[in-house]
Amino acid sequence: MKEPDKQTSAAGAAVVPGRIARTFLVAGAAAATFGVAHADEMTFKFVNPSFGGNPFNSSHLLGVANAQNDNERPATAKETQSEQFVRLLQSRLLSALAGQVSDAILGDNAQPTGRIVYGSQTVQWETQTDTIRLTIIDAAAGSTTVVEIPKAPVG
């Protein structure tokens, strides 16, 4: 029996041409036997329910976020009752002042210009054709704030 022609590879091993062909033939048959791979189109879906994801993920995501949160709230000094009373009283007085300014500018007896002084703060206003110009001056801090409010059309 005649021995097939042998060729030598770069590594020096004997290579039989018929064996390579059979190997490719077996590999091709195996691929054909297992079928063709099918794939669907890739789609994206949000996980976070805030952006349209599954609402059942919310408690899990919140738990993960809280577990990763290592921030601590800053310690605040406890306010005494007298300090709290002064703060609330000052807030009420400033609210009453804001009401007076609002009535003077927009009320039944609206004035085109005016000035109200409260402590170190001065509120001035000037009604122009299409805007109301408010100037708030804080003499203690040395700051001035100007606010222009558009007037609502009449009629």
C-alpha atoms as a PDB file:
ATOM      1  CA  MET A   1       0.000   0.000   0.000  1.00  0.00           C
ATOM      2  CA  LYS A   2       1.240   3.394  -0.938  1.00  0.00           C
ATOM      3  CA  GLU A   3       1.797   5.937   1.821  1.00  0.00           C
ATOM      4  CA  PRO A   4       0.187   9.377   1.237  1.00  0.00           C
ATOM      5  CA  ASP A   5       2.432  12.308   0.360  1.00  0.00           C
ATOM      6  CA  LYS A   6       3.553  14.011   3.517  1.00  0.00           C
ATOM      7  CA  GLN A   7       4.403  17.661   3.774  1.00  0.00           C
ATOM      8  CA  THR A   8       6.262  19.274   6.601  1.00  0.00           C
ATOM      9  CA  SER A   9       4.861  22.267   8.480  1.00  0.00           C
ATOM     10  CA  ALA A  10       6.923  25.214   9.742  1.00  0.00           C
ATOM     11  CA  ALA A  11       7.181  23.487  13.118  1.00  0.00           C
ATOM     12  CA  GLY A  12       8.569  20.403  11.471  1.00  0.00           C
ATOM     13  CA  ALA A  13       5.511  18.194  12.070  1.00  0.00           C
ATOM     14  CA  ALA A  14       4.221  15.962   9.321  1.00  0.00           C
ATOM     15  CA  VAL A  15       1.044  17.281   7.665  1.00  0.00           C
ATOM     16  CA  VAL A  16      -1.188  15.077   5.548  1.00  0.00           C
ATOM     17  CA  PRO A  17      -3.256  17.129   3.005  1.00  0.00           C
ATOM     18  CA  GLY A  18      -6.217  14.741   3.137  1.00  0.00           C
ATOM     19  CA  ARG A  19      -6.434  14.974   6.918  1.00  0.00           C
ATOM     20  CA  ILE A  20      -6.795  18.790   6.838  1.00  0.00           C
ATOM     21  CA  ALA A  21      -9.605  18.536   4.313  1.00  0.00           C
ATOM     22  CA  ARG A  22     -11.401  15.919   6.410  1.00  0.00           C
ATOM     23  CA  THR A  23     -11.048  18.089   9.534  1.00  0.00           C
ATOM     24  CA  PHE A  24     -12.680  21.055   7.800  1.00  0.00           C
ATOM     25  CA  LEU A  25     -15.378  18.800   6.385  1.00  0.00           C
ATOM     26  CA  VAL A  26     -16.215  17.398   9.848  1.00  0.00           C
ATOM     27  CA  ALA A  27     -16.230  20.907  11.378  1.00  0.00           C
ATOM     28  CA  GLY A  28     -18.554  22.175   8.637  1.00  0.00           C
ATOM     29  CA  ALA A  29     -20.922  19.232   9.087  1.00  0.00           C
ATOM     30  CA  ALA A  30     -21.028  19.811  12.839  1.00  0.00           C
ATOM     31  CA  ALA A  31     -21.870  23.483  12.347  1.00  0.00           C
ATOM     32  CA  ALA A  32     -24.643  22.591   9.896  1.00  0.00           C
ATOM     33  CA  THR A  33     -26.048  19.977  12.285  1.00  0.00           C
ATOM     34  CA  PHE A  34     -26.388  22.401  15.220  1.00  0.00           C
ATOM     35  CA  GLY A  35     -28.178  24.984  13.098  1.00  0.00           C
ATOM     36  CA  VAL A  36     -27.807  28.676  12.581  1.00  0.00           C
ATOM     37  CA  ALA A  37     -27.671  31.061  15.507  1.00  0.00           C
ATOM     38  CA  HIS A  38     -30.610  33.454  15.746  1.00  0.00           C
ATOM     39  CA  ALA A  39     -30.568  36.829  17.495  1.00  0.00           C
ATOM     40  CA  ASP A  40     -33.250  39.407  18.252  1.00  0.00           C
ATOM     41  CA  GLU A  41     -32.857  43.123  17.920  1.00  0.00           C
ATOM     42  CA  MET A  42     -31.228  44.710  20.969  1.00  0.00           C
ATOM     43  CA  THR A  43     -33.640  46.908  22.929  1.00  0.00           C
ATOM     44  CA  PHE A  44     -33.066  49.269  25.823  1.00  0.00           C
ATOM     45  CA  LYS A  45     -35.368  49.578  28.805  1.00  0.00           C
ATOM     46  CA  PHE A  46     -34.896  51.866  31.787  1.00  0.00           C
ATOM     47  CA  VAL A  47     -34.457  50.176  35.152  1.00  0.00           C
ATOM     48  CA  ASN A  48     -35.197  53.224  37.286  1.00  0.00           C
ATOM     49  CA  PRO A  49     -38.967  53.794  37.664  1.00  0.00           C
ATOM     50  CA  SER A  50     -38.383  57.561  37.655  1.00  0.00           C
ATOM     51  CA  PHE A  51     -37.531  57.249  33.976  1.00  0.00           C
ATOM     52  CA  GLY A  52     -40.258  54.791  32.980  1.00  0.00           C
ATOM     53  CA  GLY A  53     -38.739  51.574  34.302  1.00  0.00           C
ATOM     54  CA  ASN A  54     -40.506  48.846  36.237  1.00  0.00           C
ATOM     55  CA  PRO A  55     -42.122  50.384  39.366  1.00  0.00           C
ATOM     56  CA  PHE A  56     -41.321  47.246  41.367  1.00  0.00           C
ATOM     57  CA  ASN A  57     -37.609  48.166  41.164  1.00  0.00           C
ATOM     58  CA  SER A  58     -38.042  51.323  43.263  1.00  0.00           C
ATOM     59  CA  SER A  59     -37.616  49.802  46.743  1.00  0.00           C
ATOM     60  CA  HIS A  60     -34.578  47.820  45.641  1.00  0.00           C
ATOM     61  CA  LEU A  61     -32.929  50.846  44.021  1.00  0.00           C
ATOM     62  CA  LEU A  62     -33.668  53.011  47.062  1.00  0.00           C
ATOM     63  CA  GLY A  63     -32.155  50.389  49.363  1.00  0.00           C
ATOM     64  CA  VAL A  64     -29.002  50.189  47.240  1.00  0.00           C
ATOM     65  CA  ALA A  65     -28.702  53.996  47.171  1.00  0.00           C
ATOM     66  CA  ASN A  66     -29.130  54.244  50.946  1.00  0.00           C
ATOM     67  CA  ALA A  67     -26.540  51.520  51.493  1.00  0.00           C
ATOM     68  CA  GLN A  68     -24.027  53.469  49.410  1.00  0.00           C
ATOM     69  CA  ASN A  69     -24.815  56.817  51.061  1.00  0.00           C
ATOM     70  CA  ASP A  70     -22.083  57.567  53.568  1.00  0.00           C
ATOM     71  CA  ASN A  71     -22.929  61.247  54.072  1.00  0.00           C
ATOM     72  CA  GLU A  72     -23.783  62.399  57.550  1.00  0.00           C
ATOM     73  CA  ARG A  73     -26.068  65.281  58.377  1.00  0.00           C
ATOM     74  CA  PRO A  74     -24.225  68.194  59.941  1.00  0.00           C
ATOM     75  CA  ALA A  75     -24.811  68.612  63.619  1.00  0.00           C
ATOM     76  CA  THR A  76     -27.035  71.622  64.286  1.00  0.00           C
ATOM     77  CA  ALA A  77     -27.041  73.535  67.514  1.00  0.00           C
ATOM     78  CA  LYS A  78     -30.293  73.195  69.414  1.00  0.00           C
ATOM     79  CA  GLU A  79     -32.192  76.470  69.446  1.00  0.00           C
ATOM     80  CA  THR A  80     -33.420  77.753  72.798  1.00  0.00           C
ATOM     81  CA  GLN A  81     -37.056  78.746  73.213  1.00  0.00           C
ATOM     82  CA  SER A  82     -36.215  82.447  73.359  1.00  0.00           C
ATOM     83  CA  GLU A  83     -34.127  82.229  70.150  1.00  0.00           C
ATOM     84  CA  GLN A  84     -36.957  80.351  68.447  1.00  0.00           C
ATOM     85  CA  PHE A  85     -39.479  82.987  69.610  1.00  0.00           C
ATOM     86  CA  VAL A  86     -37.316  85.849  68.272  1.00  0.00           C
ATOM     87  CA  ARG A  87     -36.868  84.082  64.940  1.00  0.00           C
ATOM     88  CA  LEU A  88     -40.628  83.428  64.563  1.00  0.00           C
ATOM     89  CA  LEU A  89     -41.522  86.994  65.609  1.00  0.00           C
ATOM     90  CA  GLN A  90     -39.057  88.430  63.099  1.00  0.00           C
ATOM     91  CA  SER A  91     -40.513  86.179  60.414  1.00  0.00           C
ATOM     92  CA  ARG A  92     -44.048  87.376  61.195  1.00  0.00           C
ATOM     93  CA  LEU A  93     -42.991  91.043  61.159  1.00  0.00           C
ATOM     94  CA  LEU A  94     -41.232  90.619  57.807  1.00  0.00           C
ATOM     95  CA  SER A  95     -44.332  88.871  56.477  1.00  0.00           C
ATOM     96  CA  ALA A  96     -46.512  91.798  57.613  1.00  0.00           C
ATOM     97  CA  LEU A  97     -44.046  94.215  55.985  1.00  0.00           C
ATOM     98  CA  ALA A  98     -44.241  92.254  52.727  1.00  0.00           C
ATOM     99  CA  GLY A  99     -48.041  92.486  52.911  1.00  0.00           C
ATOM    100  CA  GLN A 100     -47.861  96.271  53.367  1.00  0.00           C
ATOM    101  CA  VAL A 101     -45.513  96.632  50.391  1.00  0.00           C
ATOM    102  CA  SER A 102     -47.768  94.422  48.281  1.00  0.00           C
ATOM    103  CA  ASP A 103     -50.868  96.457  49.218  1.00  0.00           C
ATOM    104  CA  ALA A 104     -49.077  99.752  48.540  1.00  0.00           C
ATOM    105  CA  ILE A 105     -47.986  98.573  45.072  1.00  0.00           C
ATOM    106  CA  LEU A 106     -50.977  96.486  43.925  1.00  0.00           C
ATOM    107  CA  GLY A 107     -53.802  97.258  46.363  1.00  0.00           C
ATOM    108  CA  ASP A 108     -56.959  99.360  45.950  1.00  0.00           C
ATOM    109  CA  ASN A 109     -55.086 102.606  46.698  1.00  0.00           C
ATOM    110  CA  ALA A 110     -51.907 101.666  44.779  1.00  0.00           C
ATOM    111  CA  GLN A 111     -49.204 104.316  44.785  1.00  0.00           C
ATOM    112  CA  PRO A 112     -46.939 104.854  41.750  1.00  0.00           C
ATOM    113  CA  THR A 113     -43.863 105.303  43.973  1.00  0.00           C
ATOM    114  CA  GLY A 114     -43.125 104.706  47.615  1.00  0.00           C
ATOM    115  CA  ARG A 115     -40.697 103.815  50.344  1.00  0.00           C
ATOM    116  CA  ILE A 116     -40.984 101.676  53.484  1.00  0.00           C
ATOM    117  CA  VAL A 117     -38.208 101.507  56.095  1.00  0.00           C
ATOM    118  CA  TYR A 118     -37.915  98.598  58.533  1.00  0.00           C
ATOM    119  CA  GLY A 119     -34.836  98.648  60.748  1.00  0.00           C
ATOM    120  CA  SER A 120     -31.801  98.757  58.464  1.00  0.00           C
ATOM    121  CA  GLN A 121     -33.799  97.644  55.412  1.00  0.00           C
ATOM    122  CA  THR A 122     -35.449 100.022  52.963  1.00  0.00           C
ATOM    123  CA  VAL A 123     -37.896  98.921  50.274  1.00  0.00           C
ATOM    124  CA  GLN A 124     -38.512 101.385  47.439  1.00  0.00           C
ATOM    125  CA  TRP A 125     -40.768 100.862  44.447  1.00  0.00           C
ATOM    126  CA  GLU A 126     -41.526 102.708  41.246  1.00  0.00           C
ATOM    127  CA  THR A 127     -44.323 101.773  38.863  1.00  0.00           C
ATOM    128  CA  GLN A 128     -43.330 102.199  35.229  1.00  0.00           C
ATOM    129  CA  THR A 129     -45.412 101.658  32.096  1.00  0.00           C
ATOM    130  CA  ASP A 130     -44.849  97.889  31.791  1.00  0.00           C
ATOM    131  CA  THR A 131     -42.902  96.942  34.954  1.00  0.00           C
ATOM    132  CA  ILE A 132     -42.717  97.568  38.676  1.00  0.00           C
ATOM    133  CA  ARG A 133     -39.175  98.201  39.886  1.00  0.00           C
ATOM    134  CA  LEU A 134     -38.454  97.151  43.480  1.00  0.00           C
ATOM    135  CA  THR A 135     -35.202  98.215  45.155  1.00  0.00           C
ATOM    136  CA  ILE A 136     -34.321  96.567  48.470  1.00  0.00           C
ATOM    137  CA  ILE A 137     -31.474  98.230  50.370  1.00  0.00           C
ATOM    138  CA  ASP A 138     -29.874  96.552  53.385  1.00  0.00           C
ATOM    139  CA  ALA A 139     -27.815  99.261  55.093  1.00  0.00           C
ATOM    140  CA  ALA A 140     -26.340  96.862  57.668  1.00  0.00           C
ATOM    141  CA  ALA A 141     -24.919  94.527  55.015  1.00  0.00           C
ATOM    142  CA  GLY A 142     -24.298  97.275  52.463  1.00  0.00           C
ATOM    143  CA  SER A 143     -26.168  95.404  49.723  1.00  0.00           C
ATOM    144  CA  THR A 144     -28.789  96.449  47.197  1.00  0.00           C
ATOM    145  CA  THR A 145     -31.165  94.142  45.343  1.00  0.00           C
ATOM    146  CA  VAL A 146     -33.207  95.288  42.348  1.00  0.00           C
ATOM    147  CA  VAL A 147     -36.229  93.284  41.203  1.00  0.00           C
ATOM    148  CA  GLU A 148     -38.255  94.146  38.100  1.00  0.00           C
ATOM    149  CA  ILE A 149     -41.736  92.653  37.988  1.00  0.00           C
ATOM    150  CA  PRO A 150     -43.719  92.731  34.725  1.00  0.00           C
ATOM    151  CA  LYS A 151     -47.174  94.283  35.098  1.00  0.00           C
ATOM    152  CA  ALA A 152     -50.164  92.175  34.179  1.00  0.00           C
ATOM    153  CA  PRO A 153     -52.076  93.567  31.183  1.00  0.00           C
ATOM    154  CA  VAL A 154     -55.242  95.406  32.137  1.00  0.00           C
ATOM    155  CA  GLY A 155     -58.517  94.295  30.602  1.00  0.00           C
END
